[in-house]
Amino acid sequence: MSLDSWVIFGLLAQFVFFMRFVVQWYASEKEKKTVVPVSFWYLSLAGTVMILIYSIQRRDIVFILASSLNFFLYLRNLQIYFSSKNGDVKPD
């Protein structure tokens, strides 16, 4: 396996996607309850877009389809967050 620029981009994409779990875990530990901060959804969206770009470049239909669906789900969560008035999602 060679570490060309696309492999490095793919690894960075996975790292961004992984960081959403770190952010969510940290927020939950801090509050001593399960918390999903808005940054979780931003990292989810950014990581998914990066993975989608990588998947398209690699022509991997499995990850293209999964990332495409995830993109819309994360976008919808952000839309719900910004339209909600009850504050169920804790801002950063």
PDB file of N, CA and C in Angstrom:
ATOM      1  N   MET A   1       0.845  -1.179   0.000  1.00  0.00           N
ATOM      2  CA  MET A   1       0.000   0.000   0.000  1.00  0.00           C
ATOM      3  C   MET A   1       0.890   1.242   0.000  1.00  0.00           C
ATOM      4  N   SER A   2       0.640   2.117  -0.917  1.00  0.00           N
ATOM      5  CA  SER A   2       1.392   3.369  -0.947  1.00  0.00           C
ATOM      6  C   SER A   2       0.547   4.477  -0.341  1.00  0.00           C
ATOM      7  N   LEU A   3       1.194   5.395   0.324  1.00  0.00           N
ATOM      8  CA  LEU A   3       0.500   6.518   0.944  1.00  0.00           C
ATOM      9  C   LEU A   3       0.461   7.702  -0.019  1.00  0.00           C
ATOM     10  N   ASP A   4      -0.333   7.561  -1.083  1.00  0.00           N
ATOM     11  CA  ASP A   4      -0.485   8.685  -2.006  1.00  0.00           C
ATOM     12  C   ASP A   4      -1.404   9.730  -1.371  1.00  0.00           C
ATOM     13  N   SER A   5      -1.586  10.826  -2.041  1.00  0.00           N
ATOM     14  CA  SER A   5      -2.365  11.929  -1.465  1.00  0.00           C
ATOM     15  C   SER A   5      -3.827  11.534  -1.210  1.00  0.00           C
ATOM     16  N   TRP A   6      -4.385  10.639  -2.004  1.00  0.00           N
ATOM     17  CA  TRP A   6      -5.767  10.212  -1.784  1.00  0.00           C
ATOM     18  C   TRP A   6      -5.894   9.328  -0.553  1.00  0.00           C
ATOM     19  N   VAL A   7      -4.924   8.485  -0.314  1.00  0.00           N
ATOM     20  CA  VAL A   7      -4.954   7.655   0.895  1.00  0.00           C
ATOM     21  C   VAL A   7      -4.832   8.548   2.129  1.00  0.00           C
ATOM     22  N   ILE A   8      -3.959   9.525   2.069  1.00  0.00           N
ATOM     23  CA  ILE A   8      -3.811  10.466   3.185  1.00  0.00           C
ATOM     24  C   ILE A   8      -5.119  11.234   3.390  1.00  0.00           C
ATOM     25  N   PHE A   9      -5.757  11.676   2.319  1.00  0.00           N
ATOM     26  CA  PHE A   9      -7.050  12.356   2.415  1.00  0.00           C
ATOM     27  C   PHE A   9      -8.091  11.428   3.041  1.00  0.00           C
ATOM     28  N   GLY A  10      -8.127  10.169   2.608  1.00  0.00           N
ATOM     29  CA  GLY A  10      -9.071   9.196   3.160  1.00  0.00           C
ATOM     30  C   GLY A  10      -8.849   8.966   4.644  1.00  0.00           C
ATOM     31  N   LEU A  11      -7.592   8.888   5.052  1.00  0.00           N
ATOM     32  CA  LEU A  11      -7.280   8.738   6.481  1.00  0.00           C
ATOM     33  C   LEU A  11      -7.702   9.974   7.263  1.00  0.00           C
ATOM     34  N   LEU A  12      -7.487  11.139   6.707  1.00  0.00           N
ATOM     35  CA  LEU A  12      -7.917  12.377   7.354  1.00  0.00           C
ATOM     36  C   LEU A  12      -9.443  12.412   7.468  1.00  0.00           C
ATOM     37  N   ALA A  13     -10.131  11.965   6.442  1.00  0.00           N
ATOM     38  CA  ALA A  13     -11.596  11.906   6.460  1.00  0.00           C
ATOM     39  C   ALA A  13     -12.082  11.002   7.591  1.00  0.00           C
ATOM     40  N   GLN A  14     -11.455   9.847   7.717  1.00  0.00           N
ATOM     41  CA  GLN A  14     -11.835   8.922   8.789  1.00  0.00           C
ATOM     42  C   GLN A  14     -11.543   9.532  10.163  1.00  0.00           C
ATOM     43  N   PHE A  15     -10.447  10.272  10.269  1.00  0.00           N
ATOM     44  CA  PHE A  15     -10.100  10.918  11.532  1.00  0.00           C
ATOM     45  C   PHE A  15     -11.143  11.973  11.909  1.00  0.00           C
ATOM     46  N   VAL A  16     -11.562  12.788  10.947  1.00  0.00           N
ATOM     47  CA  VAL A  16     -12.597  13.797  11.199  1.00  0.00           C
ATOM     48  C   VAL A  16     -13.887  13.107  11.643  1.00  0.00           C
ATOM     49  N   PHE A  17     -14.244  12.038  10.967  1.00  0.00           N
ATOM     50  CA  PHE A  17     -15.452  11.294  11.317  1.00  0.00           C
ATOM     51  C   PHE A  17     -15.329  10.699  12.719  1.00  0.00           C
ATOM     52  N   PHE A  18     -14.157  10.176  13.061  1.00  0.00           N
ATOM     53  CA  PHE A  18     -13.915   9.607  14.387  1.00  0.00           C
ATOM     54  C   PHE A  18     -14.015  10.675  15.481  1.00  0.00           C
ATOM     55  N   MET A  19     -13.554  11.885  15.195  1.00  0.00           N
ATOM     56  CA  MET A  19     -13.529  12.943  16.200  1.00  0.00           C
ATOM     57  C   MET A  19     -14.923  13.309  16.697  1.00  0.00           C
ATOM     58  N   ARG A  20     -15.939  13.034  15.909  1.00  0.00           N
ATOM     59  CA  ARG A  20     -17.299  13.317  16.379  1.00  0.00           C
ATOM     60  C   ARG A  20     -17.625  12.491  17.612  1.00  0.00           C
ATOM     61  N   PHE A  21     -17.115  11.263  17.665  1.00  0.00           N
ATOM     62  CA  PHE A  21     -17.346  10.424  18.836  1.00  0.00           C
ATOM     63  C   PHE A  21     -16.593  10.952  20.052  1.00  0.00           C
ATOM     64  N   VAL A  22     -15.403  11.450  19.833  1.00  0.00           N
ATOM     65  CA  VAL A  22     -14.619  12.034  20.929  1.00  0.00           C
ATOM     66  C   VAL A  22     -15.347  13.253  21.483  1.00  0.00           C
ATOM     67  N   VAL A  23     -15.844  14.106  20.603  1.00  0.00           N
ATOM     68  CA  VAL A  23     -16.574  15.307  21.018  1.00  0.00           C
ATOM     69  C   VAL A  23     -17.836  14.920  21.790  1.00  0.00           C
ATOM     70  N   GLN A  24     -18.565  13.957  21.291  1.00  0.00           N
ATOM     71  CA  GLN A  24     -19.796  13.529  21.959  1.00  0.00           C
ATOM     72  C   GLN A  24     -19.492  12.908  23.311  1.00  0.00           C
ATOM     73  N   TRP A  25     -18.482  12.076  23.386  1.00  0.00           N
ATOM     74  CA  TRP A  25     -18.085  11.446  24.647  1.00  0.00           C
ATOM     75  C   TRP A  25     -17.668  12.501  25.659  1.00  0.00           C
ATOM     76  N   TYR A  26     -16.855  13.461  25.239  1.00  0.00           N
ATOM     77  CA  TYR A  26     -16.384  14.515  26.138  1.00  0.00           C
ATOM     78  C   TYR A  26     -17.555  15.340  26.679  1.00  0.00           C
ATOM     79  N   ALA A  27     -18.473  15.715  25.809  1.00  0.00           N
ATOM     80  CA  ALA A  27     -19.633  16.497  26.236  1.00  0.00           C
ATOM     81  C   ALA A  27     -20.482  15.711  27.226  1.00  0.00           C
ATOM     82  N   SER A  28     -20.649  14.419  26.994  1.00  0.00           N
ATOM     83  CA  SER A  28     -21.433  13.581  27.902  1.00  0.00           C
ATOM     84  C   SER A  28     -20.736  13.422  29.249  1.00  0.00           C
ATOM     85  N   GLU A  29     -19.424  13.224  29.224  1.00  0.00           N
ATOM     86  CA  GLU A  29     -18.672  13.111  30.480  1.00  0.00           C
ATOM     87  C   GLU A  29     -18.763  14.405  31.282  1.00  0.00           C
ATOM     88  N   LYS A  30     -18.657  15.506  30.606  1.00  0.00           N
ATOM     89  CA  LYS A  30     -18.697  16.808  31.259  1.00  0.00           C
ATOM     90  C   LYS A  30     -20.054  17.056  31.926  1.00  0.00           C
ATOM     91  N   GLU A  31     -21.130  16.669  31.260  1.00  0.00           N
ATOM     92  CA  GLU A  31     -22.485  16.881  31.772  1.00  0.00           C
ATOM     93  C   GLU A  31     -22.979  15.731  32.644  1.00  0.00           C
ATOM     94  N   LYS A  32     -22.250  14.618  32.641  1.00  0.00           N
ATOM     95  CA  LYS A  32     -22.648  13.409  33.378  1.00  0.00           C
ATOM     96  C   LYS A  32     -23.997  12.866  32.912  1.00  0.00           C
ATOM     97  N   LYS A  33     -24.278  13.063  31.629  1.00  0.00           N
ATOM     98  CA  LYS A  33     -25.457  12.503  30.977  1.00  0.00           C
ATOM     99  C   LYS A  33     -25.169  12.487  29.476  1.00  0.00           C
ATOM    100  N   THR A  34     -25.946  11.737  28.739  1.00  0.00           N
ATOM    101  CA  THR A  34     -25.731  11.666  27.302  1.00  0.00           C
ATOM    102  C   THR A  34     -26.088  12.999  26.660  1.00  0.00           C
ATOM    103  N   VAL A  35     -25.126  13.549  25.944  1.00  0.00           N
ATOM    104  CA  VAL A  35     -25.285  14.839  25.280  1.00  0.00           C
ATOM    105  C   VAL A  35     -24.798  14.698  23.841  1.00  0.00           C
ATOM    106  N   VAL A  36     -25.523  15.301  22.915  1.00  0.00           N
ATOM    107  CA  VAL A  36     -25.097  15.332  21.524  1.00  0.00           C
ATOM    108  C   VAL A  36     -24.939  16.800  21.130  1.00  0.00           C
ATOM    109  N   PRO A  37     -23.729  17.322  21.219  1.00  0.00           N
ATOM    110  CA  PRO A  37     -23.517  18.732  20.875  1.00  0.00           C
ATOM    111  C   PRO A  37     -23.615  18.949  19.367  1.00  0.00           C
ATOM    112  N   VAL A  38     -23.903  20.175  18.977  1.00  0.00           N
ATOM    113  CA  VAL A  38     -24.058  20.487  17.555  1.00  0.00           C
ATOM    114  C   VAL A  38     -22.767  20.207  16.791  1.00  0.00           C
ATOM    115  N   SER A  39     -21.620  20.316  17.448  1.00  0.00           N
ATOM    116  CA  SER A  39     -20.355  20.016  16.762  1.00  0.00           C
ATOM    117  C   SER A  39     -20.295  18.560  16.311  1.00  0.00           C
ATOM    118  N   PHE A  40     -21.015  17.664  16.991  1.00  0.00           N
ATOM    119  CA  PHE A  40     -21.100  16.267  16.567  1.00  0.00           C
ATOM    120  C   PHE A  40     -21.661  16.190  15.151  1.00  0.00           C
ATOM    121  N   TRP A  41     -22.723  16.971  14.896  1.00  0.00           N
ATOM    122  CA  TRP A  41     -23.358  16.937  13.583  1.00  0.00           C
ATOM    123  C   TRP A  41     -22.488  17.608  12.529  1.00  0.00           C
ATOM    124  N   TYR A  42     -21.790  18.675  12.895  1.00  0.00           N
ATOM    125  CA  TYR A  42     -20.872  19.319  11.940  1.00  0.00           C
ATOM    126  C   TYR A  42     -19.721  18.381  11.576  1.00  0.00           C
ATOM    127  N   LEU A  43     -19.155  17.703  12.564  1.00  0.00           N
ATOM    128  CA  LEU A  43     -18.074  16.747  12.277  1.00  0.00           C
ATOM    129  C   LEU A  43     -18.604  15.572  11.455  1.00  0.00           C
ATOM    130  N   SER A  44     -19.821  15.133  11.761  1.00  0.00           N
ATOM    131  CA  SER A  44     -20.443  14.053  10.984  1.00  0.00           C
ATOM    132  C   SER A  44     -20.581  14.460   9.520  1.00  0.00           C
ATOM    133  N   LEU A  45     -21.069  15.668   9.309  1.00  0.00           N
ATOM    134  CA  LEU A  45     -21.268  16.166   7.950  1.00  0.00           C
ATOM    135  C   LEU A  45     -19.935  16.338   7.228  1.00  0.00           C
ATOM    136  N   ALA A  46     -18.971  16.953   7.889  1.00  0.00           N
ATOM    137  CA  ALA A  46     -17.654  17.167   7.266  1.00  0.00           C
ATOM    138  C   ALA A  46     -16.976  15.838   6.947  1.00  0.00           C
ATOM    139  N   GLY A  47     -16.980  14.912   7.904  1.00  0.00           N
ATOM    140  CA  GLY A  47     -16.369  13.605   7.676  1.00  0.00           C
ATOM    141  C   GLY A  47     -17.040  12.844   6.550  1.00  0.00           C
ATOM    142  N   THR A  48     -18.367  12.907   6.506  1.00  0.00           N
ATOM    143  CA  THR A  48     -19.109  12.214   5.455  1.00  0.00           C
ATOM    144  C   THR A  48     -18.823  12.803   4.085  1.00  0.00           C
ATOM    145  N   VAL A  49     -18.769  14.118   3.986  1.00  0.00           N
ATOM    146  CA  VAL A  49     -18.450  14.748   2.696  1.00  0.00           C
ATOM    147  C   VAL A  49     -17.050  14.340   2.247  1.00  0.00           C
ATOM    148  N   MET A  50     -16.108  14.333   3.183  1.00  0.00           N
ATOM    149  CA  MET A  50     -14.736  13.939   2.842  1.00  0.00           C
ATOM    150  C   MET A  50     -14.679  12.475   2.403  1.00  0.00           C
ATOM    151  N   ILE A  51     -15.391  11.606   3.125  1.00  0.00           N
ATOM    152  CA  ILE A  51     -15.417  10.188   2.762  1.00  0.00           C
ATOM    153  C   ILE A  51     -16.117  10.005   1.417  1.00  0.00           C
ATOM    154  N   LEU A  52     -17.156  10.789   1.159  1.00  0.00           N
ATOM    155  CA  LEU A  52     -17.843  10.720  -0.133  1.00  0.00           C
ATOM    156  C   LEU A  52     -16.908  11.113  -1.265  1.00  0.00           C
ATOM    157  N   ILE A  53     -16.164  12.191  -1.080  1.00  0.00           N
ATOM    158  CA  ILE A  53     -15.189  12.612  -2.100  1.00  0.00           C
ATOM    159  C   ILE A  53     -14.166  11.498  -2.347  1.00  0.00           C
ATOM    160  N   TYR A  54     -13.647  10.950  -1.277  1.00  0.00           N
ATOM    161  CA  TYR A  54     -12.669   9.854  -1.375  1.00  0.00           C
ATOM    162  C   TYR A  54     -13.283   8.652  -2.098  1.00  0.00           C
ATOM    163  N   SER A  55     -14.519   8.303  -1.723  1.00  0.00           N
ATOM    164  CA  SER A  55     -15.194   7.146  -2.325  1.00  0.00           C
ATOM    165  C   SER A  55     -15.451   7.338  -3.808  1.00  0.00           C
ATOM    166  N   ILE A  56     -15.830   8.556  -4.193  1.00  0.00           N
ATOM    167  CA  ILE A  56     -16.045   8.843  -5.614  1.00  0.00           C
ATOM    168  C   ILE A  56     -14.738   8.706  -6.372  1.00  0.00           C
ATOM    169  N   GLN A  57     -13.659   9.237  -5.790  1.00  0.00           N
ATOM    170  CA  GLN A  57     -12.356   9.146  -6.446  1.00  0.00           C
ATOM    171  C   GLN A  57     -11.920   7.688  -6.591  1.00  0.00           C
ATOM    172  N   ARG A  58     -12.215   6.865  -5.592  1.00  0.00           N
ATOM    173  CA  ARG A  58     -11.857   5.438  -5.622  1.00  0.00           C
ATOM    174  C   ARG A  58     -12.896   4.581  -6.340  1.00  0.00           C
ATOM    175  N   ARG A  59     -14.016   5.198  -6.706  1.00  0.00           N
ATOM    176  CA  ARG A  59     -15.119   4.500  -7.387  1.00  0.00           C
ATOM    177  C   ARG A  59     -15.643   3.317  -6.555  1.00  0.00           C
ATOM    178  N   ASP A  60     -15.869   3.584  -5.268  1.00  0.00           N
ATOM    179  CA  ASP A  60     -16.356   2.557  -4.345  1.00  0.00           C
ATOM    180  C   ASP A  60     -17.849   2.786  -4.112  1.00  0.00           C
ATOM    181  N   ILE A  61     -18.673   2.027  -4.832  1.00  0.00           N
ATOM    182  CA  ILE A  61     -20.119   2.222  -4.821  1.00  0.00           C
ATOM    183  C   ILE A  61     -20.712   2.029  -3.436  1.00  0.00           C
ATOM    184  N   VAL A  62     -20.154   1.122  -2.638  1.00  0.00           N
ATOM    185  CA  VAL A  62     -20.682   0.872  -1.290  1.00  0.00           C
ATOM    186  C   VAL A  62     -20.567   2.128  -0.428  1.00  0.00           C
ATOM    187  N   PHE A  63     -19.389   2.734  -0.396  1.00  0.00           N
ATOM    188  CA  PHE A  63     -19.183   3.931   0.416  1.00  0.00           C
ATOM    189  C   PHE A  63     -19.843   5.163  -0.206  1.00  0.00           C
ATOM    190  N   ILE A  64     -19.962   5.193  -1.522  1.00  0.00           N
ATOM    191  CA  ILE A  64     -20.671   6.302  -2.170  1.00  0.00           C
ATOM    192  C   ILE A  64     -22.132   6.315  -1.721  1.00  0.00           C
ATOM    193  N   LEU A  65     -22.771   5.156  -1.760  1.00  0.00           N
ATOM    194  CA  LEU A  65     -24.172   5.072  -1.355  1.00  0.00           C
ATOM    195  C   LEU A  65     -24.346   5.372   0.134  1.00  0.00           C
ATOM    196  N   ALA A  66     -23.494   4.791   0.968  1.00  0.00           N
ATOM    197  CA  ALA A  66     -23.598   5.010   2.420  1.00  0.00           C
ATOM    198  C   ALA A  66     -23.357   6.474   2.767  1.00  0.00           C
ATOM    199  N   SER A  67     -22.342   7.061   2.193  1.00  0.00           N
ATOM    200  CA  SER A  67     -22.020   8.458   2.491  1.00  0.00           C
ATOM    201  C   SER A  67     -23.094   9.406   1.978  1.00  0.00           C
ATOM    202  N   SER A  68     -23.675   9.077   0.837  1.00  0.00           N
ATOM    203  CA  SER A  68     -24.746   9.916   0.294  1.00  0.00           C
ATOM    204  C   SER A  68     -25.947   9.934   1.234  1.00  0.00           C
ATOM    205  N   LEU A  69     -26.334   8.781   1.724  1.00  0.00           N
ATOM    206  CA  LEU A  69     -27.450   8.709   2.667  1.00  0.00           C
ATOM    207  C   LEU A  69     -27.101   9.434   3.966  1.00  0.00           C
ATOM    208  N   ASN A  70     -25.917   9.177   4.493  1.00  0.00           N
ATOM    209  CA  ASN A  70     -25.495   9.832   5.736  1.00  0.00           C
ATOM    210  C   ASN A  70     -25.504  11.348   5.603  1.00  0.00           C
ATOM    211  N   PHE A  71     -25.066  11.855   4.463  1.00  0.00           N
ATOM    212  CA  PHE A  71     -25.038  13.296   4.235  1.00  0.00           C
ATOM    213  C   PHE A  71     -26.407  13.917   4.507  1.00  0.00           C
ATOM    214  N   PHE A  72     -27.455  13.326   3.941  1.00  0.00           N
ATOM    215  CA  PHE A  72     -28.797  13.875   4.112  1.00  0.00           C
ATOM    216  C   PHE A  72     -29.301  13.715   5.547  1.00  0.00           C
ATOM    217  N   LEU A  73     -28.944  12.622   6.195  1.00  0.00           N
ATOM    218  CA  LEU A  73     -29.361  12.429   7.589  1.00  0.00           C
ATOM    219  C   LEU A  73     -28.702  13.460   8.512  1.00  0.00           C
ATOM    220  N   TYR A  74     -27.424  13.716   8.325  1.00  0.00           N
ATOM    221  CA  TYR A  74     -26.730  14.690   9.167  1.00  0.00           C
ATOM    222  C   TYR A  74     -27.205  16.106   8.874  1.00  0.00           C
ATOM    223  N   LEU A  75     -27.457  16.385   7.626  1.00  0.00           N
ATOM    224  CA  LEU A  75     -27.984  17.694   7.253  1.00  0.00           C
ATOM    225  C   LEU A  75     -29.355  17.909   7.899  1.00  0.00           C
ATOM    226  N   ARG A  76     -30.173  16.878   7.887  1.00  0.00           N
ATOM    227  CA  ARG A  76     -31.499  16.956   8.512  1.00  0.00           C
ATOM    228  C   ARG A  76     -31.370  17.189  10.017  1.00  0.00           C
ATOM    229  N   ASN A  77     -30.434  16.537  10.674  1.00  0.00           N
ATOM    230  CA  ASN A  77     -30.237  16.746  12.105  1.00  0.00           C
ATOM    231  C   ASN A  77     -29.846  18.187  12.404  1.00  0.00           C
ATOM    232  N   LEU A  78     -29.010  18.770  11.558  1.00  0.00           N
ATOM    233  CA  LEU A  78     -28.658  20.174  11.748  1.00  0.00           C
ATOM    234  C   LEU A  78     -29.872  21.075  11.530  1.00  0.00           C
ATOM    235  N   GLN A  79     -30.697  20.734  10.552  1.00  0.00           N
ATOM    236  CA  GLN A  79     -31.911  21.510  10.305  1.00  0.00           C
ATOM    237  C   GLN A  79     -32.832  21.431  11.521  1.00  0.00           C
ATOM    238  N   ILE A  80     -32.997  20.252  12.083  1.00  0.00           N
ATOM    239  CA  ILE A  80     -33.824  20.080  13.283  1.00  0.00           C
ATOM    240  C   ILE A  80     -33.240  20.885  14.437  1.00  0.00           C
ATOM    241  N   TYR A  81     -31.938  20.818  14.595  1.00  0.00           N
ATOM    242  CA  TYR A  81     -31.274  21.550  15.677  1.00  0.00           C
ATOM    243  C   TYR A  81     -31.579  23.045  15.591  1.00  0.00           C
ATOM    244  N   PHE A  82     -31.403  23.621  14.422  1.00  0.00           N
ATOM    245  CA  PHE A  82     -31.577  25.058  14.270  1.00  0.00           C
ATOM    246  C   PHE A  82     -33.041  25.497  14.271  1.00  0.00           C
ATOM    247  N   SER A  83     -33.951  24.579  13.985  1.00  0.00           N
ATOM    248  CA  SER A  83     -35.360  24.952  14.000  1.00  0.00           C
ATOM    249  C   SER A  83     -36.029  24.651  15.342  1.00  0.00           C
ATOM    250  N   SER A  84     -35.344  23.901  16.214  1.00  0.00           N
ATOM    251  CA  SER A  84     -35.950  23.557  17.506  1.00  0.00           C
ATOM    252  C   SER A  84     -35.874  24.734  18.472  1.00  0.00           C
ATOM    253  N   LYS A  85     -36.867  24.825  19.302  1.00  0.00           N
ATOM    254  CA  LYS A  85     -36.899  25.885  20.305  1.00  0.00           C
ATOM    255  C   LYS A  85     -36.776  25.333  21.705  1.00  0.00           C
ATOM    256  N   ASN A  86     -36.816  24.000  21.838  1.00  0.00           N
ATOM    257  CA  ASN A  86     -36.814  23.419  23.171  1.00  0.00           C
ATOM    258  C   ASN A  86     -35.409  23.152  23.710  1.00  0.00           C
ATOM    259  N   GLY A  87     -34.389  23.299  22.909  1.00  0.00           N
ATOM    260  CA  GLY A  87     -33.009  23.182  23.380  1.00  0.00           C
ATOM    261  C   GLY A  87     -32.592  21.791  23.794  1.00  0.00           C
ATOM    262  N   ASP A  88     -33.164  20.727  23.175  1.00  0.00           N
ATOM    263  CA  ASP A  88     -32.773  19.365  23.517  1.00  0.00           C
ATOM    264  C   ASP A  88     -31.326  19.078  23.177  1.00  0.00           C
ATOM    265  N   VAL A  89     -30.787  19.754  22.190  1.00  0.00           N
ATOM    266  CA  VAL A  89     -29.408  19.548  21.787  1.00  0.00           C
ATOM    267  C   VAL A  89     -28.596  20.689  22.376  1.00  0.00           C
ATOM    268  N   LYS A  90     -27.567  20.332  23.103  1.00  0.00           N
ATOM    269  CA  LYS A  90     -26.764  21.328  23.801  1.00  0.00           C
ATOM    270  C   LYS A  90     -25.746  21.949  22.843  1.00  0.00           C
ATOM    271  N   PRO A  91     -25.755  23.265  22.678  1.00  0.00           N
ATOM    272  CA  PRO A  91     -24.740  23.907  21.827  1.00  0.00           C
ATOM    273  C   PRO A  91     -23.370  23.852  22.485  1.00  0.00           C
ATOM    274  N   ASP A  92     -22.331  23.975  21.679  1.00  0.00           N
ATOM    275  CA  ASP A  92     -20.968  23.956  22.215  1.00  0.00           C
ATOM    276  C   ASP A  92     -20.634  25.266  22.866  1.00  0.00           C
TER     277      ASP A  92
END
